[in-house]
Amino acid sequence: MTQESVLQSHVALDGLNTFGLPARAERFLRLETGAQLAPTLAEAARDGLALSVIGAGSNVLLAGDVPGLLIQVALAGRRLLLRNGDEVVVEAAAGEDWHGFVAWTLAHGWYGLENLALIPGTVGGSPIQNIGAYGVEVGERIAHVDVIDLDTGKAGRLMPSACGFGYRDSVFKRGLAGQVLVIGVAFRLSLHPVVQAKYADLLAELDTRGIEAPTPQQVFDAICAVR
């Protein structure tokens, strides 16, 4: 497939942001494979196009048309990387739906993300915002974040200590903002649940269900009901 057949011009973004705001991208790429990225970055550099990145469009407020090149990250895939005793490391591509990924880990008996159910967005957006809910922040579970340098096109890997995680914050919103593209995230999860259910609205929902000692699945279900 040629680069000309991949890049699109003047693409409507109404369906690519959750507010449904009308806007158009001057140039647009739906990034579905890593092989698309190098020629895209080369063309953007050649034509002097500013780069913007979007995932599920759930944390985006479009103020108008988007100049330059907009890349929608739609990389898919999830897998078990490692099992070590009671711990597993699982990986998901950046374009995976976050809630779907959480449900998938829970279905496999890999615990630790259930409190983050129904948060909108993609896996790739999770470390950028350091998403959190009901006493859990995703940075606590991240094993590493795989990125592409948007200037050089080179791949890199950031360990949690390099991600600068804070409350709804990370280095991806500060020093690395606009410099790297998140392409995948790995998470350390447990085979043995440690349930966190201390928040009043969550406890109230569990109480209405007659649950005093909830399982991770019951926490997940209750959070979905509350949200």
C-alpha atoms as a PDB file:
ATOM      1  CA  MET A   1       0.000   0.000   0.000  1.00  0.00           C
ATOM      2  CA  THR A   2       1.466   3.352  -0.984  1.00  0.00           C
ATOM      3  CA  GLN A   3       1.716   6.272   1.398  1.00  0.00           C
ATOM      4  CA  GLU A   4      -0.626   8.283  -0.862  1.00  0.00           C
ATOM      5  CA  SER A   5      -3.359   5.691  -0.322  1.00  0.00           C
ATOM      6  CA  VAL A   6      -2.893   5.815   3.466  1.00  0.00           C
ATOM      7  CA  LEU A   7      -2.950   9.531   4.179  1.00  0.00           C
ATOM      8  CA  GLN A   8      -6.277  11.265   3.714  1.00  0.00           C
ATOM      9  CA  SER A   9      -7.075  14.950   3.255  1.00  0.00           C
ATOM     10  CA  HIS A  10      -9.747  17.099   4.877  1.00  0.00           C
ATOM     11  CA  VAL A  11     -11.189  14.304   7.015  1.00  0.00           C
ATOM     12  CA  ALA A  12     -14.298  15.002   9.098  1.00  0.00           C
ATOM     13  CA  LEU A  13     -13.676  14.445  12.810  1.00  0.00           C
ATOM     14  CA  ASP A  14     -17.265  14.594  14.060  1.00  0.00           C
ATOM     15  CA  GLY A  15     -17.308  10.875  14.741  1.00  0.00           C
ATOM     16  CA  LEU A  16     -13.805  10.792  16.215  1.00  0.00           C
ATOM     17  CA  ASN A  17     -14.427  12.907  19.305  1.00  0.00           C
ATOM     18  CA  THR A  18     -16.935  12.043  21.999  1.00  0.00           C
ATOM     19  CA  PHE A  19     -18.433  15.533  21.996  1.00  0.00           C
ATOM     20  CA  GLY A  20     -19.229  15.108  18.295  1.00  0.00           C
ATOM     21  CA  LEU A  21     -17.911  18.577  17.518  1.00  0.00           C
ATOM     22  CA  PRO A  22     -17.617  19.448  13.823  1.00  0.00           C
ATOM     23  CA  ALA A  23     -14.036  19.771  12.622  1.00  0.00           C
ATOM     24  CA  ARG A  24     -11.765  18.565   9.861  1.00  0.00           C
ATOM     25  CA  ALA A  25      -8.180  17.387   9.785  1.00  0.00           C
ATOM     26  CA  GLU A  26      -6.029  18.886   7.038  1.00  0.00           C
ATOM     27  CA  ARG A  27      -4.239  15.537   6.697  1.00  0.00           C
ATOM     28  CA  PHE A  28      -5.173  12.348   8.525  1.00  0.00           C
ATOM     29  CA  LEU A  29      -3.752   8.895   9.204  1.00  0.00           C
ATOM     30  CA  ARG A  30      -5.483   6.051  11.006  1.00  0.00           C
ATOM     31  CA  LEU A  31      -2.451   4.251  12.408  1.00  0.00           C
ATOM     32  CA  GLU A  32      -3.206   0.524  12.394  1.00  0.00           C
ATOM     33  CA  THR A  33       0.291  -0.928  11.937  1.00  0.00           C
ATOM     34  CA  GLY A  34       3.720   0.189  13.016  1.00  0.00           C
ATOM     35  CA  ALA A  35       4.896   0.044   9.398  1.00  0.00           C
ATOM     36  CA  GLN A  36       2.723   3.046   8.551  1.00  0.00           C
ATOM     37  CA  LEU A  37       4.512   5.354  10.947  1.00  0.00           C
ATOM     38  CA  ALA A  38       7.986   5.818   9.408  1.00  0.00           C
ATOM     39  CA  PRO A  39       6.795   6.970   5.955  1.00  0.00           C
ATOM     40  CA  THR A  40       4.138   9.130   7.604  1.00  0.00           C
ATOM     41  CA  LEU A  41       6.682  10.926   9.774  1.00  0.00           C
ATOM     42  CA  ALA A  42       8.980  11.339   6.769  1.00  0.00           C
ATOM     43  CA  GLU A  43       6.202  12.918   4.713  1.00  0.00           C
ATOM     44  CA  ALA A  44       5.162  15.183   7.567  1.00  0.00           C
ATOM     45  CA  ALA A  45       8.751  16.396   7.943  1.00  0.00           C
ATOM     46  CA  ARG A  46       9.125  16.910   4.198  1.00  0.00           C
ATOM     47  CA  ASP A  47       5.950  18.986   3.970  1.00  0.00           C
ATOM     48  CA  GLY A  48       6.494  20.829   7.246  1.00  0.00           C
ATOM     49  CA  LEU A  49       3.277  19.491   8.765  1.00  0.00           C
ATOM     50  CA  ALA A  50       2.597  19.960  12.443  1.00  0.00           C
ATOM     51  CA  LEU A  51       1.728  16.676  14.160  1.00  0.00           C
ATOM     52  CA  SER A  52      -1.225  15.980  16.440  1.00  0.00           C
ATOM     53  CA  VAL A  53      -2.342  12.684  17.961  1.00  0.00           C
ATOM     54  CA  ILE A  54      -5.779  11.407  18.910  1.00  0.00           C
ATOM     55  CA  GLY A  55      -7.008   8.145  20.403  1.00  0.00           C
ATOM     56  CA  ALA A  56     -10.682   7.617  21.153  1.00  0.00           C
ATOM     57  CA  GLY A  57     -11.294  11.366  21.292  1.00  0.00           C
ATOM     58  CA  SER A  58     -12.642  11.150  24.841  1.00  0.00           C
ATOM     59  CA  ASN A  59     -10.307  13.747  26.338  1.00  0.00           C
ATOM     60  CA  VAL A  60     -10.343  16.145  23.402  1.00  0.00           C
ATOM     61  CA  LEU A  61     -12.215  19.404  22.872  1.00  0.00           C
ATOM     62  CA  LEU A  62     -11.874  20.512  19.258  1.00  0.00           C
ATOM     63  CA  ALA A  63     -11.959  24.281  18.861  1.00  0.00           C
ATOM     64  CA  GLY A  64     -11.954  24.087  15.061  1.00  0.00           C
ATOM     65  CA  ASP A  65     -10.232  22.419  12.138  1.00  0.00           C
ATOM     66  CA  VAL A  66      -6.936  20.695  12.891  1.00  0.00           C
ATOM     67  CA  PRO A  67      -4.024  21.938  10.757  1.00  0.00           C
ATOM     68  CA  GLY A  68      -1.167  19.693   9.709  1.00  0.00           C
ATOM     69  CA  LEU A  69      -1.281  15.942  10.182  1.00  0.00           C
ATOM     70  CA  LEU A  70      -3.555  14.265  12.724  1.00  0.00           C
ATOM     71  CA  ILE A  71      -2.671  10.666  13.636  1.00  0.00           C
ATOM     72  CA  GLN A  72      -5.408   8.519  15.129  1.00  0.00           C
ATOM     73  CA  VAL A  73      -3.772   5.682  17.057  1.00  0.00           C
ATOM     74  CA  ALA A  74      -5.686   2.485  16.260  1.00  0.00           C
ATOM     75  CA  LEU A  75      -2.983  -0.082  17.009  1.00  0.00           C
ATOM     76  CA  ALA A  76      -4.580  -3.298  18.262  1.00  0.00           C
ATOM     77  CA  GLY A  77      -3.418  -6.350  20.184  1.00  0.00           C
ATOM     78  CA  ARG A  78      -3.082  -7.648  23.730  1.00  0.00           C
ATOM     79  CA  ARG A  79      -1.080 -10.517  25.161  1.00  0.00           C
ATOM     80  CA  LEU A  80       0.498 -12.104  28.202  1.00  0.00           C
ATOM     81  CA  LEU A  81       4.201 -11.262  28.309  1.00  0.00           C
ATOM     82  CA  LEU A  82       5.353 -12.925  31.501  1.00  0.00           C
ATOM     83  CA  ARG A  83       4.198 -14.972  34.459  1.00  0.00           C
ATOM     84  CA  ASN A  84       6.402 -14.892  37.525  1.00  0.00           C
ATOM     85  CA  GLY A  85       4.962 -16.567  40.596  1.00  0.00           C
ATOM     86  CA  ASP A  86       1.820 -14.701  41.585  1.00  0.00           C
ATOM     87  CA  GLU A  87       2.483 -11.851  39.154  1.00  0.00           C
ATOM     88  CA  VAL A  88       1.818 -11.476  35.446  1.00  0.00           C
ATOM     89  CA  VAL A  89       2.858  -8.821  32.969  1.00  0.00           C
ATOM     90  CA  VAL A  90       0.332  -8.167  30.227  1.00  0.00           C
ATOM     91  CA  GLU A  91       0.698  -5.841  27.264  1.00  0.00           C
ATOM     92  CA  ALA A  92      -1.804  -3.987  25.121  1.00  0.00           C
ATOM     93  CA  ALA A  93      -1.355  -1.882  22.014  1.00  0.00           C
ATOM     94  CA  ALA A  94      -2.139   1.800  22.368  1.00  0.00           C
ATOM     95  CA  GLY A  95      -5.323   1.728  20.302  1.00  0.00           C
ATOM     96  CA  GLU A  96      -7.066  -0.890  22.437  1.00  0.00           C
ATOM     97  CA  ASP A  97     -10.246   0.264  24.177  1.00  0.00           C
ATOM     98  CA  TRP A  98      -9.410   0.788  27.847  1.00  0.00           C
ATOM     99  CA  HIS A  99     -12.573  -0.658  29.368  1.00  0.00           C
ATOM    100  CA  GLY A 100     -12.427  -3.661  27.051  1.00  0.00           C
ATOM    101  CA  PHE A 101      -8.841  -4.294  28.106  1.00  0.00           C
ATOM    102  CA  VAL A 102      -9.746  -4.113  31.814  1.00  0.00           C
ATOM    103  CA  ALA A 103     -12.589  -6.601  31.269  1.00  0.00           C
ATOM    104  CA  TRP A 104     -10.194  -8.897  29.382  1.00  0.00           C
ATOM    105  CA  THR A 105      -7.638  -8.932  32.208  1.00  0.00           C
ATOM    106  CA  LEU A 106     -10.351  -9.654  34.758  1.00  0.00           C
ATOM    107  CA  ALA A 107     -11.749 -12.513  32.664  1.00  0.00           C
ATOM    108  CA  HIS A 108      -8.289 -14.109  32.717  1.00  0.00           C
ATOM    109  CA  GLY A 109      -7.971 -13.815  36.498  1.00  0.00           C
ATOM    110  CA  TRP A 110      -5.371 -11.047  36.337  1.00  0.00           C
ATOM    111  CA  TYR A 111      -6.243  -8.522  39.004  1.00  0.00           C
ATOM    112  CA  GLY A 112      -5.392  -4.899  39.721  1.00  0.00           C
ATOM    113  CA  LEU A 113      -7.252  -2.798  37.150  1.00  0.00           C
ATOM    114  CA  GLU A 114     -10.870  -3.552  38.089  1.00  0.00           C
ATOM    115  CA  ASN A 115     -11.319  -0.210  39.906  1.00  0.00           C
ATOM    116  CA  LEU A 116     -10.584   1.562  36.603  1.00  0.00           C
ATOM    117  CA  ALA A 117     -13.577   0.074  34.793  1.00  0.00           C
ATOM    118  CA  LEU A 118     -15.560   2.213  32.347  1.00  0.00           C
ATOM    119  CA  ILE A 119     -12.996   5.006  32.112  1.00  0.00           C
ATOM    120  CA  PRO A 120     -13.338   6.222  28.509  1.00  0.00           C
ATOM    121  CA  GLY A 121     -10.399   6.217  26.144  1.00  0.00           C
ATOM    122  CA  THR A 122      -7.642   3.926  24.936  1.00  0.00           C
ATOM    123  CA  VAL A 123      -4.798   2.039  26.562  1.00  0.00           C
ATOM    124  CA  GLY A 124      -2.365   4.520  25.022  1.00  0.00           C
ATOM    125  CA  GLY A 125      -4.029   7.399  26.792  1.00  0.00           C
ATOM    126  CA  SER A 126      -3.917   5.742  30.215  1.00  0.00           C
ATOM    127  CA  PRO A 127      -0.295   6.596  31.155  1.00  0.00           C
ATOM    128  CA  ILE A 128      -0.516  10.083  29.672  1.00  0.00           C
ATOM    129  CA  GLN A 129      -3.329  11.092  32.013  1.00  0.00           C
ATOM    130  CA  ASN A 130      -2.298   8.620  34.733  1.00  0.00           C
ATOM    131  CA  ILE A 131      -5.955   7.705  34.920  1.00  0.00           C
ATOM    132  CA  GLY A 132      -7.347   6.850  38.318  1.00  0.00           C
ATOM    133  CA  ALA A 133     -10.552   6.015  40.147  1.00  0.00           C
ATOM    134  CA  TYR A 134     -11.723   4.528  43.442  1.00  0.00           C
ATOM    135  CA  GLY A 135      -8.298   4.570  45.062  1.00  0.00           C
ATOM    136  CA  VAL A 136      -6.278   3.169  42.147  1.00  0.00           C
ATOM    137  CA  GLU A 137      -4.012   5.016  39.690  1.00  0.00           C
ATOM    138  CA  VAL A 138      -2.829   3.236  36.577  1.00  0.00           C
ATOM    139  CA  GLY A 139       0.770   4.333  37.155  1.00  0.00           C
ATOM    140  CA  GLU A 140       0.864   1.956  40.121  1.00  0.00           C
ATOM    141  CA  ARG A 141       0.371  -0.974  37.745  1.00  0.00           C
ATOM    142  CA  ILE A 142       2.435   0.046  34.713  1.00  0.00           C
ATOM    143  CA  ALA A 143       5.516  -2.071  33.970  1.00  0.00           C
ATOM    144  CA  HIS A 144       6.705  -0.035  30.972  1.00  0.00           C
ATOM    145  CA  VAL A 145       5.497   2.253  28.201  1.00  0.00           C
ATOM    146  CA  ASP A 146       6.659   1.788  24.609  1.00  0.00           C
ATOM    147  CA  VAL A 147       6.976   4.947  22.528  1.00  0.00           C
ATOM    148  CA  ILE A 148       8.139   6.257  19.172  1.00  0.00           C
ATOM    149  CA  ASP A 149      10.182   9.458  19.021  1.00  0.00           C
ATOM    150  CA  LEU A 150       8.283  11.699  16.600  1.00  0.00           C
ATOM    151  CA  ASP A 151      11.458  13.490  15.495  1.00  0.00           C
ATOM    152  CA  THR A 152      13.667  10.483  14.813  1.00  0.00           C
ATOM    153  CA  GLY A 153      11.124   7.680  14.365  1.00  0.00           C
ATOM    154  CA  LYS A 154      13.104   5.538  16.798  1.00  0.00           C
ATOM    155  CA  ALA A 155      11.425   3.221  19.290  1.00  0.00           C
ATOM    156  CA  GLY A 156      12.026   3.565  23.005  1.00  0.00           C
ATOM    157  CA  ARG A 157      10.835   2.139  26.294  1.00  0.00           C
ATOM    158  CA  LEU A 158      10.146   4.085  29.458  1.00  0.00           C
ATOM    159  CA  MET A 159      10.098   2.431  32.851  1.00  0.00           C
ATOM    160  CA  PRO A 160       7.714   3.798  35.511  1.00  0.00           C
ATOM    161  CA  SER A 161      10.480   5.811  37.195  1.00  0.00           C
ATOM    162  CA  ALA A 162      10.933   7.783  33.960  1.00  0.00           C
ATOM    163  CA  CYS A 163       7.223   8.470  33.471  1.00  0.00           C
ATOM    164  CA  GLY A 164       6.907  11.137  36.174  1.00  0.00           C
ATOM    165  CA  PHE A 165       3.522   9.926  37.340  1.00  0.00           C
ATOM    166  CA  GLY A 166       1.515  12.292  39.516  1.00  0.00           C
ATOM    167  CA  TYR A 167      -2.140  12.999  40.127  1.00  0.00           C
ATOM    168  CA  ARG A 168      -3.654  12.924  36.600  1.00  0.00           C
ATOM    169  CA  ASP A 169      -0.204  13.807  35.331  1.00  0.00           C
ATOM    170  CA  SER A 170       2.873  12.324  33.688  1.00  0.00           C
ATOM    171  CA  VAL A 171       5.963  13.281  31.730  1.00  0.00           C
ATOM    172  CA  PHE A 172       3.901  12.709  28.577  1.00  0.00           C
ATOM    173  CA  LYS A 173       1.935  15.873  29.416  1.00  0.00           C
ATOM    174  CA  ARG A 174       5.078  17.857  30.243  1.00  0.00           C
ATOM    175  CA  GLY A 175       8.625  17.228  29.021  1.00  0.00           C
ATOM    176  CA  LEU A 176       7.654  14.661  26.386  1.00  0.00           C
ATOM    177  CA  ALA A 177       4.450  16.345  25.243  1.00  0.00           C
ATOM    178  CA  GLY A 178       4.379  16.352  21.447  1.00  0.00           C
ATOM    179  CA  GLN A 179       7.717  14.522  21.300  1.00  0.00           C
ATOM    180  CA  VAL A 180       6.709  10.874  21.560  1.00  0.00           C
ATOM    181  CA  LEU A 181       3.834   8.669  20.488  1.00  0.00           C
ATOM    182  CA  VAL A 182       2.730   5.948  22.893  1.00  0.00           C
ATOM    183  CA  ILE A 183       2.361   2.684  20.963  1.00  0.00           C
ATOM    184  CA  GLY A 184       1.934   0.143  23.768  1.00  0.00           C
ATOM    185  CA  VAL A 185       1.729  -0.259  27.530  1.00  0.00           C
ATOM    186  CA  ALA A 186       2.565  -3.216  29.789  1.00  0.00           C
ATOM    187  CA  PHE A 187       0.991  -3.753  33.203  1.00  0.00           C
ATOM    188  CA  ARG A 188       1.984  -5.759  36.290  1.00  0.00           C
ATOM    189  CA  LEU A 189      -1.060  -7.583  37.614  1.00  0.00           C
ATOM    190  CA  SER A 190      -1.657 -10.161  40.320  1.00  0.00           C
ATOM    191  CA  LEU A 191      -3.113 -13.652  40.339  1.00  0.00           C
ATOM    192  CA  HIS A 192      -4.372 -12.978  43.856  1.00  0.00           C
ATOM    193  CA  PRO A 193      -6.916 -10.189  44.312  1.00  0.00           C
ATOM    194  CA  VAL A 194      -6.404  -7.318  46.728  1.00  0.00           C
ATOM    195  CA  VAL A 195      -9.815  -5.673  46.666  1.00  0.00           C
ATOM    196  CA  GLN A 196     -10.087  -1.920  47.186  1.00  0.00           C
ATOM    197  CA  ALA A 197     -13.649  -0.840  47.939  1.00  0.00           C
ATOM    198  CA  LYS A 198     -13.444   2.067  50.360  1.00  0.00           C
ATOM    199  CA  TYR A 199     -15.337   4.811  48.510  1.00  0.00           C
ATOM    200  CA  ALA A 200     -18.799   5.686  49.787  1.00  0.00           C
ATOM    201  CA  ASP A 201     -20.702   5.368  46.501  1.00  0.00           C
ATOM    202  CA  LEU A 202     -19.001   2.062  45.712  1.00  0.00           C
ATOM    203  CA  LEU A 203     -19.712   0.721  49.204  1.00  0.00           C
ATOM    204  CA  ALA A 204     -23.323   1.838  48.877  1.00  0.00           C
ATOM    205  CA  GLU A 205     -23.727  -0.009  45.584  1.00  0.00           C
ATOM    206  CA  LEU A 206     -22.188  -3.150  47.041  1.00  0.00           C
ATOM    207  CA  ASP A 207     -24.481  -2.850  50.030  1.00  0.00           C
ATOM    208  CA  THR A 208     -27.563  -2.695  47.806  1.00  0.00           C
ATOM    209  CA  ARG A 209     -26.349  -5.955  46.266  1.00  0.00           C
ATOM    210  CA  GLY A 210     -25.907  -7.544  49.706  1.00  0.00           C
ATOM    211  CA  ILE A 211     -22.146  -7.921  49.208  1.00  0.00           C
ATOM    212  CA  GLU A 212     -19.876  -7.544  52.237  1.00  0.00           C
ATOM    213  CA  ALA A 213     -16.670  -9.149  50.951  1.00  0.00           C
ATOM    214  CA  PRO A 214     -16.593  -8.358  47.232  1.00  0.00           C
ATOM    215  CA  THR A 215     -14.545 -10.148  44.614  1.00  0.00           C
ATOM    216  CA  PRO A 216     -12.747  -8.155  41.892  1.00  0.00           C
ATOM    217  CA  GLN A 217     -15.540  -9.054  39.472  1.00  0.00           C
ATOM    218  CA  GLN A 218     -18.138  -7.725  41.900  1.00  0.00           C
ATOM    219  CA  VAL A 219     -16.153  -4.509  42.326  1.00  0.00           C
ATOM    220  CA  PHE A 220     -15.957  -4.193  38.545  1.00  0.00           C
ATOM    221  CA  ASP A 221     -19.706  -4.748  38.172  1.00  0.00           C
ATOM    222  CA  ALA A 222     -20.552  -2.306  40.951  1.00  0.00           C
ATOM    223  CA  ILE A 223     -18.319   0.409  39.481  1.00  0.00           C
ATOM    224  CA  CYS A 224     -19.930  -0.066  36.091  1.00  0.00           C
ATOM    225  CA  ALA A 225     -23.337   0.397  37.739  1.00  0.00           C
ATOM    226  CA  VAL A 226     -22.236   3.503  39.656  1.00  0.00           C
ATOM    227  CA  ARG A 227     -20.648   5.086  36.586  1.00  0.00           C
END
